[in-house]
Amino acid sequence: MSIDIETAARVAKLARIRVEEDALPALAQEFSNILGFIEQLNEVDVEGVEPMVSVEPMRLKRRQDGVTDGGMQDKILSNAPDAREGFFAVPKVVE
């Protein structure tokens, strides 16, 4: 896939990256190279290949998923300038 200079300029603008006019052809070529590499990756047959976490076979460390803190709603809301019905009350910002 080939990226033209106008598309490269638009991508740079959307990414909020300032690119000089004379650098746009090189940027367009880089985008084309990246998309070409992605097209090569799409051609690889990965049927039956398990996803990997690492090149070394290992199992991820697991921990017990449990609440270790909490149950202090009254204490936390005591610091709020305005709390109603167990929640922080804030001014409306959208009209």
N, C-alpha and C. Protein backbone atom coordinates (compact mmCIF):
# COMPACT_ATOMS: atom_id res chain seq x y z
N MET A 1 0.85 -1.18 0.00
CA MET A 1 0.00 0.00 0.00
C MET A 1 0.89 1.23 0.00
N SER A 2 0.52 2.19 -0.78
CA SER A 2 1.31 3.41 -0.91
C SER A 2 0.54 4.58 -0.30
N ILE A 3 1.23 5.37 0.49
CA ILE A 3 0.64 6.55 1.12
C ILE A 3 1.13 7.77 0.37
N ASP A 4 0.20 8.64 -0.03
CA ASP A 4 0.62 9.85 -0.73
C ASP A 4 0.95 10.96 0.26
N ILE A 5 1.50 12.04 -0.26
CA ILE A 5 1.97 13.14 0.60
C ILE A 5 0.80 13.80 1.32
N GLU A 6 -0.35 13.93 0.65
CA GLU A 6 -1.51 14.56 1.29
C GLU A 6 -2.00 13.75 2.49
N THR A 7 -2.01 12.43 2.34
CA THR A 7 -2.43 11.56 3.44
C THR A 7 -1.43 11.65 4.59
N ALA A 8 -0.15 11.68 4.28
CA ALA A 8 0.87 11.82 5.33
C ALA A 8 0.71 13.14 6.07
N ALA A 9 0.42 14.20 5.34
CA ALA A 9 0.21 15.51 5.97
C ALA A 9 -1.02 15.48 6.86
N ARG A 10 -2.09 14.81 6.41
CA ARG A 10 -3.31 14.72 7.21
C ARG A 10 -3.08 13.91 8.48
N VAL A 11 -2.35 12.80 8.38
CA VAL A 11 -2.04 11.98 9.55
C VAL A 11 -1.21 12.78 10.53
N ALA A 12 -0.22 13.51 10.04
CA ALA A 12 0.62 14.33 10.91
C ALA A 12 -0.22 15.39 11.62
N LYS A 13 -1.16 16.00 10.89
CA LYS A 13 -2.03 17.01 11.50
C LYS A 13 -2.91 16.39 12.58
N LEU A 14 -3.50 15.21 12.28
CA LEU A 14 -4.36 14.54 13.27
C LEU A 14 -3.57 14.14 14.51
N ALA A 15 -2.29 13.78 14.32
CA ALA A 15 -1.44 13.39 15.44
C ALA A 15 -0.82 14.61 16.12
N ARG A 16 -1.12 15.78 15.58
CA ARG A 16 -0.58 17.04 16.10
C ARG A 16 0.95 17.03 16.10
N ILE A 17 1.50 16.57 14.98
CA ILE A 17 2.94 16.55 14.79
C ILE A 17 3.27 17.55 13.69
N ARG A 18 4.14 18.50 14.01
CA ARG A 18 4.54 19.48 13.01
C ARG A 18 5.58 18.85 12.09
N VAL A 19 5.27 18.81 10.80
CA VAL A 19 6.17 18.25 9.81
C VAL A 19 6.37 19.31 8.73
N GLU A 20 7.62 19.63 8.45
CA GLU A 20 7.92 20.61 7.40
C GLU A 20 7.54 20.03 6.04
N GLU A 21 7.24 20.90 5.09
CA GLU A 21 6.83 20.49 3.74
C GLU A 21 7.85 19.58 3.09
N ASP A 22 9.13 19.90 3.25
CA ASP A 22 10.17 19.12 2.59
C ASP A 22 10.36 17.74 3.22
N ALA A 23 9.83 17.53 4.42
CA ALA A 23 9.96 16.23 5.10
C ALA A 23 8.76 15.32 4.83
N LEU A 24 7.72 15.84 4.19
CA LEU A 24 6.53 15.03 3.94
C LEU A 24 6.77 13.83 3.02
N PRO A 25 7.55 13.95 1.95
CA PRO A 25 7.78 12.76 1.13
C PRO A 25 8.45 11.62 1.90
N ALA A 26 9.41 11.94 2.76
CA ALA A 26 10.07 10.91 3.56
C ALA A 26 9.09 10.29 4.55
N LEU A 27 8.22 11.11 5.14
CA LEU A 27 7.22 10.60 6.07
C LEU A 27 6.23 9.67 5.36
N ALA A 28 5.81 10.07 4.16
CA ALA A 28 4.89 9.23 3.38
C ALA A 28 5.56 7.89 3.05
N GLN A 29 6.84 7.91 2.73
CA GLN A 29 7.56 6.67 2.43
C GLN A 29 7.65 5.79 3.68
N GLU A 30 7.90 6.39 4.84
CA GLU A 30 7.96 5.63 6.09
C GLU A 30 6.60 4.98 6.39
N PHE A 31 5.52 5.73 6.20
CA PHE A 31 4.19 5.16 6.41
C PHE A 31 3.95 3.99 5.46
N SER A 32 4.36 4.14 4.22
CA SER A 32 4.20 3.07 3.24
C SER A 32 5.00 1.84 3.64
N ASN A 33 6.22 2.05 4.14
CA ASN A 33 7.05 0.92 4.60
C ASN A 33 6.40 0.20 5.77
N ILE A 34 5.85 0.96 6.71
CA ILE A 34 5.20 0.35 7.87
C ILE A 34 3.99 -0.47 7.43
N LEU A 35 3.17 0.09 6.55
CA LEU A 35 1.99 -0.64 6.08
C LEU A 35 2.38 -1.87 5.27
N GLY A 36 3.49 -1.78 4.52
CA GLY A 36 3.98 -2.94 3.79
C GLY A 36 4.40 -4.05 4.73
N PHE A 37 5.04 -3.69 5.82
CA PHE A 37 5.44 -4.69 6.81
C PHE A 37 4.22 -5.34 7.45
N ILE A 38 3.20 -4.55 7.73
CA ILE A 38 1.97 -5.09 8.31
C ILE A 38 1.30 -6.05 7.33
N GLU A 39 1.32 -5.72 6.03
CA GLU A 39 0.76 -6.63 5.03
C GLU A 39 1.53 -7.95 5.00
N GLN A 40 2.86 -7.89 5.18
CA GLN A 40 3.65 -9.12 5.25
C GLN A 40 3.23 -9.96 6.46
N LEU A 41 3.01 -9.32 7.59
CA LEU A 41 2.60 -10.04 8.78
C LEU A 41 1.24 -10.70 8.60
N ASN A 42 0.34 -10.05 7.85
CA ASN A 42 -0.98 -10.63 7.62
C ASN A 42 -0.92 -11.88 6.77
N GLU A 43 0.17 -12.08 6.02
CA GLU A 43 0.30 -13.26 5.18
C GLU A 43 0.77 -14.49 5.95
N VAL A 44 1.26 -14.31 7.17
CA VAL A 44 1.78 -15.43 7.95
C VAL A 44 0.64 -16.28 8.47
N ASP A 45 0.76 -17.60 8.31
CA ASP A 45 -0.26 -18.53 8.79
C ASP A 45 -0.02 -18.79 10.28
N VAL A 46 -0.92 -18.35 11.11
CA VAL A 46 -0.79 -18.52 12.56
C VAL A 46 -1.86 -19.47 13.10
N GLU A 47 -2.47 -20.23 12.23
CA GLU A 47 -3.50 -21.18 12.65
C GLU A 47 -2.90 -22.20 13.62
N GLY A 48 -3.49 -22.32 14.78
CA GLY A 48 -3.05 -23.30 15.77
C GLY A 48 -1.88 -22.84 16.64
N VAL A 49 -1.41 -21.61 16.46
CA VAL A 49 -0.30 -21.10 17.26
C VAL A 49 -0.88 -20.45 18.51
N GLU A 50 -0.41 -20.90 19.67
CA GLU A 50 -0.89 -20.34 20.94
C GLU A 50 -0.31 -18.95 21.17
N PRO A 51 -1.08 -18.03 21.72
CA PRO A 51 -0.54 -16.71 22.07
C PRO A 51 0.56 -16.86 23.12
N MET A 52 1.57 -16.00 23.04
CA MET A 52 2.71 -16.10 23.97
C MET A 52 2.78 -14.86 24.85
N VAL A 53 3.20 -15.07 26.08
CA VAL A 53 3.47 -13.98 26.99
C VAL A 53 4.95 -13.64 26.93
N SER A 54 5.76 -14.65 26.70
CA SER A 54 7.21 -14.50 26.70
C SER A 54 7.80 -15.56 25.79
N VAL A 55 9.07 -15.40 25.41
CA VAL A 55 9.72 -16.44 24.62
C VAL A 55 10.04 -17.65 25.49
N GLU A 56 10.09 -17.45 26.78
CA GLU A 56 10.29 -18.55 27.73
C GLU A 56 8.93 -19.06 28.17
N PRO A 57 8.73 -20.37 28.18
CA PRO A 57 7.43 -20.86 28.68
C PRO A 57 7.31 -20.61 30.18
N MET A 58 6.36 -19.81 30.54
CA MET A 58 6.16 -19.48 31.96
C MET A 58 4.70 -19.18 32.21
N ARG A 59 4.32 -19.27 33.43
CA ARG A 59 2.97 -18.94 33.83
C ARG A 59 3.01 -17.61 34.56
N LEU A 60 2.04 -16.75 34.28
CA LEU A 60 2.00 -15.46 34.93
C LEU A 60 1.71 -15.63 36.42
N LYS A 61 2.32 -14.75 37.20
CA LYS A 61 2.06 -14.78 38.64
C LYS A 61 0.63 -14.35 38.90
N ARG A 62 0.00 -15.03 39.80
CA ARG A 62 -1.38 -14.71 40.13
C ARG A 62 -1.46 -14.36 41.61
N ARG A 63 -2.43 -13.55 41.93
CA ARG A 63 -2.67 -13.20 43.32
C ARG A 63 -4.15 -13.30 43.61
N GLN A 64 -4.47 -13.43 44.86
CA GLN A 64 -5.85 -13.47 45.27
C GLN A 64 -6.50 -12.12 45.02
N ASP A 65 -7.62 -12.11 44.35
CA ASP A 65 -8.33 -10.88 44.05
C ASP A 65 -9.32 -10.62 45.17
N GLY A 66 -8.92 -9.78 46.09
CA GLY A 66 -9.79 -9.49 47.22
C GLY A 66 -9.66 -8.04 47.65
N VAL A 67 -10.69 -7.53 48.28
CA VAL A 67 -10.67 -6.16 48.78
C VAL A 67 -9.78 -6.12 50.01
N THR A 68 -8.80 -5.24 49.98
CA THR A 68 -7.89 -5.12 51.12
C THR A 68 -8.15 -3.86 51.92
N ASP A 69 -8.97 -2.99 51.39
CA ASP A 69 -9.24 -1.74 52.07
C ASP A 69 -10.65 -1.32 51.69
N GLY A 70 -11.24 -0.49 52.45
CA GLY A 70 -12.57 -0.01 52.12
C GLY A 70 -13.45 0.03 53.35
N GLY A 71 -14.71 0.19 53.12
CA GLY A 71 -15.65 0.27 54.23
C GLY A 71 -15.51 1.56 55.03
N MET A 72 -14.98 2.61 54.40
CA MET A 72 -14.78 3.88 55.12
C MET A 72 -15.54 5.01 54.44
N GLN A 73 -16.71 4.71 53.91
CA GLN A 73 -17.45 5.71 53.16
C GLN A 73 -17.71 6.97 54.00
N ASP A 74 -18.16 6.80 55.22
CA ASP A 74 -18.45 7.96 56.07
C ASP A 74 -17.20 8.78 56.34
N LYS A 75 -16.08 8.10 56.59
CA LYS A 75 -14.83 8.80 56.88
C LYS A 75 -14.34 9.59 55.65
N ILE A 76 -14.47 8.99 54.47
CA ILE A 76 -14.03 9.66 53.24
C ILE A 76 -14.94 10.84 52.92
N LEU A 77 -16.26 10.63 53.03
CA LEU A 77 -17.19 11.70 52.70
C LEU A 77 -17.17 12.83 53.72
N SER A 78 -16.60 12.61 54.87
CA SER A 78 -16.52 13.69 55.87
C SER A 78 -15.60 14.81 55.39
N ASN A 79 -14.69 14.52 54.46
CA ASN A 79 -13.79 15.53 53.91
C ASN A 79 -14.41 16.30 52.74
N ALA A 80 -15.53 15.84 52.22
CA ALA A 80 -16.13 16.47 51.05
C ALA A 80 -16.84 17.75 51.43
N PRO A 81 -16.70 18.79 50.59
CA PRO A 81 -17.43 20.02 50.89
C PRO A 81 -18.94 19.84 50.76
N ASP A 82 -19.38 18.90 49.90
CA ASP A 82 -20.80 18.64 49.73
C ASP A 82 -20.99 17.17 49.39
N ALA A 83 -21.64 16.43 50.29
CA ALA A 83 -21.90 15.01 50.06
C ALA A 83 -23.39 14.78 50.26
N ARG A 84 -23.98 14.01 49.33
CA ARG A 84 -25.41 13.73 49.42
C ARG A 84 -25.66 12.26 49.12
N GLU A 85 -26.46 11.63 49.95
CA GLU A 85 -26.89 10.24 49.76
C GLU A 85 -25.71 9.29 49.55
N GLY A 86 -24.60 9.54 50.24
CA GLY A 86 -23.46 8.64 50.17
C GLY A 86 -22.54 8.88 48.99
N PHE A 87 -22.68 10.02 48.31
CA PHE A 87 -21.84 10.33 47.15
C PHE A 87 -21.30 11.75 47.26
N PHE A 88 -20.20 12.03 46.52
CA PHE A 88 -19.71 13.39 46.40
C PHE A 88 -20.68 14.17 45.53
N ALA A 89 -21.06 15.36 45.94
CA ALA A 89 -21.92 16.21 45.14
C ALA A 89 -21.04 17.27 44.47
N VAL A 90 -21.22 17.43 43.15
CA VAL A 90 -20.42 18.40 42.40
C VAL A 90 -21.35 19.28 41.62
N PRO A 91 -20.90 20.49 41.29
CA PRO A 91 -21.75 21.38 40.51
C PRO A 91 -21.93 20.86 39.08
N LYS A 92 -23.07 21.17 38.50
CA LYS A 92 -23.34 20.77 37.13
C LYS A 92 -22.44 21.58 36.19
N VAL A 93 -21.78 20.90 35.25
CA VAL A 93 -20.88 21.60 34.34
C VAL A 93 -21.36 21.58 32.90
N VAL A 94 -22.38 20.80 32.59
CA VAL A 94 -22.92 20.73 31.24
C VAL A 94 -24.36 21.25 31.28
N GLU A 95 -24.67 22.14 30.37
CA GLU A 95 -26.03 22.69 30.36
C GLU A 95 -26.80 22.19 29.17
